[in-house]
């Protein structure tokens, strides 16, 4: 029981840190610092998702959010300046819409079962079905593999597509400089 309370406390502290980090990033004028802090934001988010036992989503967040996105941000910064050109004028209507949306989302979570509640509908209906029938329905003895490969196949396919697209984008971005150098004659043995 004490371990569960400690885990929840760690999650709450990390979540509060993520909120503070997001607010700090919004106030920055240095684009380089914002890009680096976005990478840290994504890495901490991946840690929170791991603590919540959503390892597949945490892996995607770490690969795409902390890894590839940071590389893409830094690559884009190489093509522009590292400071914002003009101060941003904050409009109160936009802030009110964001706050109202956040409050509505928070209100929507009040109807949800408590985090980790063994009597939640998913634990009483879907999970027993997966545990009892997946071997027979799917033909894969490992329940986790059968859920990821079949029951959640489209979701898993979507996640792998996102990771693949991010990797291809990073390769194209990073490889573009090498091909330009070869065309300019800086990187080859041409005579």
C-alpha atoms as a PDB file:
ATOM      1  CA  UNK A   1       0.000   0.000   0.000  1.00  0.00           C
ATOM      2  CA  UNK A   2       2.844   2.394   0.868  1.00  0.00           C
ATOM      3  CA  UNK A   3       4.507   1.600  -2.457  1.00  0.00           C
ATOM      4  CA  UNK A   4       1.325   2.560  -4.316  1.00  0.00           C
ATOM      5  CA  UNK A   5       1.090   5.873  -2.426  1.00  0.00           C
ATOM      6  CA  UNK A   6       4.745   6.603  -3.188  1.00  0.00           C
ATOM      7  CA  UNK A   7       4.159   5.831  -6.876  1.00  0.00           C
ATOM      8  CA  UNK A   8       1.155   8.157  -6.984  1.00  0.00           C
ATOM      9  CA  UNK A   9       3.141  10.875  -5.236  1.00  0.00           C
ATOM     10  CA  UNK A  10       5.961  10.553  -7.778  1.00  0.00           C
ATOM     11  CA  UNK A  11       3.419  10.759 -10.626  1.00  0.00           C
ATOM     12  CA  UNK A  12       1.835  13.901  -9.134  1.00  0.00           C
ATOM     13  CA  UNK A  13       5.209  15.597  -8.643  1.00  0.00           C
ATOM     14  CA  UNK A  14       6.285  14.799 -12.208  1.00  0.00           C
ATOM     15  CA  UNK A  15       2.932  15.977 -13.574  1.00  0.00           C
ATOM     16  CA  UNK A  16       3.226  19.262 -11.647  1.00  0.00           C
ATOM     17  CA  UNK A  17       6.760  19.642 -13.009  1.00  0.00           C
ATOM     18  CA  UNK A  18       5.454  19.074 -16.548  1.00  0.00           C
ATOM     19  CA  UNK A  19       2.838  21.811 -16.090  1.00  0.00           C
ATOM     20  CA  UNK A  20       5.434  24.258 -14.732  1.00  0.00           C
ATOM     21  CA  UNK A  21       7.785  23.369 -17.594  1.00  0.00           C
ATOM     22  CA  UNK A  22       5.039  24.000 -20.173  1.00  0.00           C
ATOM     23  CA  UNK A  23       4.267  27.405 -18.668  1.00  0.00           C
ATOM     24  CA  UNK A  24       7.960  28.293 -18.635  1.00  0.00           C
ATOM     25  CA  UNK A  25       8.401  27.220 -22.276  1.00  0.00           C
ATOM     26  CA  UNK A  26       5.464  29.431 -23.273  1.00  0.00           C
ATOM     27  CA  UNK A  27       7.209  32.447 -21.733  1.00  0.00           C
ATOM     28  CA  UNK A  28      10.588  31.894 -23.443  1.00  0.00           C
ATOM     29  CA  UNK A  29      11.848  34.013 -26.329  1.00  0.00           C
ATOM     30  CA  UNK A  30      14.885  31.822 -27.040  1.00  0.00           C
ATOM     31  CA  UNK A  31      13.843  29.215 -29.590  1.00  0.00           C
ATOM     32  CA  UNK A  32      16.889  27.039 -28.873  1.00  0.00           C
ATOM     33  CA  UNK A  33      16.027  26.881 -25.164  1.00  0.00           C
ATOM     34  CA  UNK A  34      12.388  26.145 -26.020  1.00  0.00           C
ATOM     35  CA  UNK A  35      13.403  23.304 -28.356  1.00  0.00           C
ATOM     36  CA  UNK A  36      15.643  21.732 -25.724  1.00  0.00           C
ATOM     37  CA  UNK A  37      13.004  22.104 -22.996  1.00  0.00           C
ATOM     38  CA  UNK A  38      10.405  20.511 -25.294  1.00  0.00           C
ATOM     39  CA  UNK A  39      12.695  17.474 -25.484  1.00  0.00           C
ATOM     40  CA  UNK A  40      12.919  17.391 -21.680  1.00  0.00           C
ATOM     41  CA  UNK A  41       9.124  17.808 -21.488  1.00  0.00           C
ATOM     42  CA  UNK A  42       8.640  14.778 -23.743  1.00  0.00           C
ATOM     43  CA  UNK A  43      11.175  12.709 -21.839  1.00  0.00           C
ATOM     44  CA  UNK A  44       9.464  13.417 -18.515  1.00  0.00           C
ATOM     45  CA  UNK A  45       6.097  12.643 -20.157  1.00  0.00           C
ATOM     46  CA  UNK A  46       7.499   9.285 -21.264  1.00  0.00           C
ATOM     47  CA  UNK A  47       8.595   8.645 -17.667  1.00  0.00           C
ATOM     48  CA  UNK A  48       5.113   9.440 -16.349  1.00  0.00           C
ATOM     49  CA  UNK A  49       3.566   7.130 -18.944  1.00  0.00           C
ATOM     50  CA  UNK A  50       5.973   4.374 -17.867  1.00  0.00           C
ATOM     51  CA  UNK A  51       4.936   4.840 -14.244  1.00  0.00           C
ATOM     52  CA  UNK A  52       1.317   4.486 -15.386  1.00  0.00           C
ATOM     53  CA  UNK A  53       2.204   1.127 -17.039  1.00  0.00           C
ATOM     54  CA  UNK A  54       1.620   2.474 -20.566  1.00  0.00           C
ATOM     55  CA  UNK A  55       5.033   1.360 -21.786  1.00  0.00           C
ATOM     56  CA  UNK A  56       4.070   1.198 -25.473  1.00  0.00           C
ATOM     57  CA  UNK A  57       2.851   4.810 -25.434  1.00  0.00           C
ATOM     58  CA  UNK A  58       5.910   5.839 -23.375  1.00  0.00           C
ATOM     59  CA  UNK A  59       8.202   4.286 -25.977  1.00  0.00           C
ATOM     60  CA  UNK A  60       6.485   6.214 -28.764  1.00  0.00           C
ATOM     61  CA  UNK A  61       6.644   9.455 -26.766  1.00  0.00           C
ATOM     62  CA  UNK A  62      10.339   8.972 -26.042  1.00  0.00           C
ATOM     63  CA  UNK A  63      11.196   8.106 -29.640  1.00  0.00           C
ATOM     64  CA  UNK A  64       9.066  10.730 -31.359  1.00  0.00           C
ATOM     65  CA  UNK A  65       8.691  13.462 -28.747  1.00  0.00           C
ATOM     66  CA  UNK A  66      12.076  13.468 -27.038  1.00  0.00           C
ATOM     67  CA  UNK A  67      14.128  12.068 -29.885  1.00  0.00           C
ATOM     68  CA  UNK A  68      13.001  12.846 -33.400  1.00  0.00           C
ATOM     69  CA  UNK A  69      11.068  16.053 -32.639  1.00  0.00           C
ATOM     70  CA  UNK A  70      14.050  17.570 -30.835  1.00  0.00           C
ATOM     71  CA  UNK A  71      16.281  16.750 -33.803  1.00  0.00           C
ATOM     72  CA  UNK A  72      13.741  18.283 -36.188  1.00  0.00           C
ATOM     73  CA  UNK A  73      13.416  21.434 -34.031  1.00  0.00           C
ATOM     74  CA  UNK A  74      17.192  21.838 -33.917  1.00  0.00           C
ATOM     75  CA  UNK A  75      17.418  21.241 -37.663  1.00  0.00           C
ATOM     76  CA  UNK A  76      14.796  23.928 -38.267  1.00  0.00           C
ATOM     77  CA  UNK A  77      16.695  26.286 -35.970  1.00  0.00           C
ATOM     78  CA  UNK A  78      19.729  25.804 -38.186  1.00  0.00           C
ATOM     79  CA  UNK A  79      17.727  27.421 -40.980  1.00  0.00           C
ATOM     80  CA  UNK A  80      16.486  30.393 -38.938  1.00  0.00           C
ATOM     81  CA  UNK A  81      17.419  32.598 -36.005  1.00  0.00           C
ATOM     82  CA  UNK A  82      17.467  31.396 -32.435  1.00  0.00           C
ATOM     83  CA  UNK A  83      15.362  34.263 -31.030  1.00  0.00           C
ATOM     84  CA  UNK A  84      11.774  35.295 -31.622  1.00  0.00           C
ATOM     85  CA  UNK A  85      11.610  38.304 -33.952  1.00  0.00           C
ATOM     86  CA  UNK A  86       8.879  40.271 -32.193  1.00  0.00           C
ATOM     87  CA  UNK A  87       7.129  39.953 -28.869  1.00  0.00           C
ATOM     88  CA  UNK A  88       3.957  37.903 -29.029  1.00  0.00           C
ATOM     89  CA  UNK A  89       0.755  39.741 -28.188  1.00  0.00           C
ATOM     90  CA  UNK A  90      -1.338  37.547 -25.938  1.00  0.00           C
ATOM     91  CA  UNK A  91      -5.043  37.799 -26.518  1.00  0.00           C
ATOM     92  CA  UNK A  92      -7.347  37.250 -23.600  1.00  0.00           C
ATOM     93  CA  UNK A  93      -9.947  35.444 -25.715  1.00  0.00           C
ATOM     94  CA  UNK A  94      -7.419  32.768 -26.660  1.00  0.00           C
ATOM     95  CA  UNK A  95      -6.393  32.350 -23.027  1.00  0.00           C
ATOM     96  CA  UNK A  96     -10.028  32.074 -21.952  1.00  0.00           C
ATOM     97  CA  UNK A  97     -10.715  29.415 -24.597  1.00  0.00           C
ATOM     98  CA  UNK A  98      -7.694  27.388 -23.446  1.00  0.00           C
ATOM     99  CA  UNK A  99      -8.684  27.682 -19.772  1.00  0.00           C
ATOM    100  CA  UNK A 100     -12.335  26.790 -20.522  1.00  0.00           C
ATOM    101  CA  UNK A 101     -11.258  23.764 -22.569  1.00  0.00           C
ATOM    102  CA  UNK A 102      -8.934  22.605 -19.769  1.00  0.00           C
ATOM    103  CA  UNK A 103     -11.695  22.969 -17.184  1.00  0.00           C
ATOM    104  CA  UNK A 104     -14.147  21.026 -19.360  1.00  0.00           C
ATOM    105  CA  UNK A 105     -11.612  18.226 -19.829  1.00  0.00           C
ATOM    106  CA  UNK A 106     -10.964  18.126 -16.083  1.00  0.00           C
ATOM    107  CA  UNK A 107     -14.721  18.035 -15.439  1.00  0.00           C
ATOM    108  CA  UNK A 108     -15.025  15.119 -17.873  1.00  0.00           C
ATOM    109  CA  UNK A 109     -12.582  13.070 -15.804  1.00  0.00           C
ATOM    110  CA  UNK A 110     -14.756  13.291 -12.671  1.00  0.00           C
ATOM    111  CA  UNK A 111     -16.985  10.512 -14.039  1.00  0.00           C
ATOM    112  CA  UNK A 112     -14.092   8.144 -14.609  1.00  0.00           C
ATOM    113  CA  UNK A 113     -13.262   5.348 -12.177  1.00  0.00           C
ATOM    114  CA  UNK A 114     -10.314   5.911  -9.855  1.00  0.00           C
ATOM    115  CA  UNK A 115      -6.872   5.211 -11.290  1.00  0.00           C
ATOM    116  CA  UNK A 116      -6.034   1.530 -10.765  1.00  0.00           C
ATOM    117  CA  UNK A 117      -9.516   0.670  -9.443  1.00  0.00           C
ATOM    118  CA  UNK A 118      -9.931  -3.119  -9.734  1.00  0.00           C
ATOM    119  CA  UNK A 119     -13.709  -2.663 -10.045  1.00  0.00           C
ATOM    120  CA  UNK A 120     -13.430  -0.406 -13.105  1.00  0.00           C
ATOM    121  CA  UNK A 121     -15.457  -1.627 -16.112  1.00  0.00           C
ATOM    122  CA  UNK A 122     -12.336  -2.503 -18.109  1.00  0.00           C
ATOM    123  CA  UNK A 123     -11.203  -4.909 -15.363  1.00  0.00           C
ATOM    124  CA  UNK A 124     -14.620  -6.515 -15.030  1.00  0.00           C
ATOM    125  CA  UNK A 125     -15.517  -6.916 -18.706  1.00  0.00           C
ATOM    126  CA  UNK A 126     -12.705  -6.601 -21.232  1.00  0.00           C
ATOM    127  CA  UNK A 127      -9.670  -7.896 -19.304  1.00  0.00           C
ATOM    128  CA  UNK A 128     -11.272 -11.224 -18.264  1.00  0.00           C
ATOM    129  CA  UNK A 129     -12.353 -11.763 -21.873  1.00  0.00           C
ATOM    130  CA  UNK A 130      -8.807 -11.199 -23.111  1.00  0.00           C
ATOM    131  CA  UNK A 131      -7.299 -13.464 -20.455  1.00  0.00           C
ATOM    132  CA  UNK A 132      -9.767 -16.315 -20.989  1.00  0.00           C
ATOM    133  CA  UNK A 133     -10.466 -16.229 -24.724  1.00  0.00           C
ATOM    134  CA  UNK A 134      -7.494 -14.656 -26.515  1.00  0.00           C
ATOM    135  CA  UNK A 135      -5.544 -17.901 -26.867  1.00  0.00           C
ATOM    136  CA  UNK A 136      -8.531 -19.584 -28.519  1.00  0.00           C
ATOM    137  CA  UNK A 137      -9.691 -16.592 -30.616  1.00  0.00           C
ATOM    138  CA  UNK A 138      -6.298 -15.371 -31.836  1.00  0.00           C
ATOM    139  CA  UNK A 139      -4.159 -18.499 -31.568  1.00  0.00           C
ATOM    140  CA  UNK A 140      -1.283 -16.753 -29.789  1.00  0.00           C
ATOM    141  CA  UNK A 141      -0.483 -18.120 -26.314  1.00  0.00           C
ATOM    142  CA  UNK A 142       0.954 -14.811 -25.012  1.00  0.00           C
ATOM    143  CA  UNK A 143      -1.958 -12.553 -23.969  1.00  0.00           C
ATOM    144  CA  UNK A 144       0.000  -9.297 -24.320  1.00  0.00           C
ATOM    145  CA  UNK A 145       1.096 -10.191 -27.844  1.00  0.00           C
ATOM    146  CA  UNK A 146      -2.424 -11.198 -28.845  1.00  0.00           C
ATOM    147  CA  UNK A 147      -3.851  -7.912 -27.523  1.00  0.00           C
ATOM    148  CA  UNK A 148      -1.225  -5.774 -29.274  1.00  0.00           C
ATOM    149  CA  UNK A 149      -1.226  -7.763 -32.521  1.00  0.00           C
ATOM    150  CA  UNK A 150      -4.941  -8.371 -32.931  1.00  0.00           C
ATOM    151  CA  UNK A 151      -7.372  -6.655 -30.581  1.00  0.00           C
ATOM    152  CA  UNK A 152      -5.386  -3.392 -30.718  1.00  0.00           C
ATOM    153  CA  UNK A 153      -3.865  -4.044 -34.129  1.00  0.00           C
ATOM    154  CA  UNK A 154      -4.880  -0.748 -35.695  1.00  0.00           C
ATOM    155  CA  UNK A 155      -3.583   1.193 -32.697  1.00  0.00           C
ATOM    156  CA  UNK A 156      -0.259  -0.657 -32.761  1.00  0.00           C
ATOM    157  CA  UNK A 157      -0.039  -0.178 -36.532  1.00  0.00           C
ATOM    158  CA  UNK A 158      -0.684   3.541 -36.037  1.00  0.00           C
ATOM    159  CA  UNK A 159       2.043   3.825 -33.409  1.00  0.00           C
ATOM    160  CA  UNK A 160       4.590   2.028 -35.567  1.00  0.00           C
ATOM    161  CA  UNK A 161       3.607   4.219 -38.529  1.00  0.00           C
ATOM    162  CA  UNK A 162       4.227   7.347 -36.435  1.00  0.00           C
ATOM    163  CA  UNK A 163       7.649   6.088 -35.329  1.00  0.00           C
ATOM    164  CA  UNK A 164       8.573   5.066 -38.889  1.00  0.00           C
ATOM    165  CA  UNK A 165       7.438   8.411 -40.325  1.00  0.00           C
ATOM    166  CA  UNK A 166       9.431  10.289 -37.693  1.00  0.00           C
ATOM    167  CA  UNK A 167      12.527   8.204 -38.415  1.00  0.00           C
ATOM    168  CA  UNK A 168      12.222   8.733 -42.182  1.00  0.00           C
ATOM    169  CA  UNK A 169      11.737  12.481 -41.620  1.00  0.00           C
ATOM    170  CA  UNK A 170      14.842  12.668 -39.451  1.00  0.00           C
ATOM    171  CA  UNK A 171      16.895  10.670 -41.961  1.00  0.00           C
ATOM    172  CA  UNK A 172      15.780  12.948 -44.781  1.00  0.00           C
ATOM    173  CA  UNK A 173      16.510  16.051 -42.710  1.00  0.00           C
ATOM    174  CA  UNK A 174      19.921  14.889 -41.543  1.00  0.00           C
ATOM    175  CA  UNK A 175      20.856  13.248 -44.849  1.00  0.00           C
ATOM    176  CA  UNK A 176      19.936  16.322 -46.905  1.00  0.00           C
ATOM    177  CA  UNK A 177      23.073  18.160 -45.818  1.00  0.00           C
ATOM    178  CA  UNK A 178      25.360  15.316 -46.923  1.00  0.00           C
ATOM    179  CA  UNK A 179      23.866  15.173 -50.413  1.00  0.00           C
ATOM    180  CA  UNK A 180      24.157  18.956 -50.804  1.00  0.00           C
ATOM    181  CA  UNK A 181      27.831  18.796 -49.804  1.00  0.00           C
ATOM    182  CA  UNK A 182      28.455  16.100 -52.413  1.00  0.00           C
ATOM    183  CA  UNK A 183      26.739  18.187 -55.089  1.00  0.00           C
ATOM    184  CA  UNK A 184      28.855  21.213 -54.151  1.00  0.00           C
ATOM    185  CA  UNK A 185      32.021  19.125 -54.458  1.00  0.00           C
ATOM    186  CA  UNK A 186      33.019  19.435 -50.785  1.00  0.00           C
ATOM    187  CA  UNK A 187      32.569  15.822 -49.793  1.00  0.00           C
ATOM    188  CA  UNK A 188      33.775  13.729 -52.728  1.00  0.00           C
ATOM    189  CA  UNK A 189      36.955  12.547 -54.445  1.00  0.00           C
ATOM    190  CA  UNK A 190      35.980  14.032 -57.801  1.00  0.00           C
ATOM    191  CA  UNK A 191      38.838  15.252 -60.008  1.00  0.00           C
END
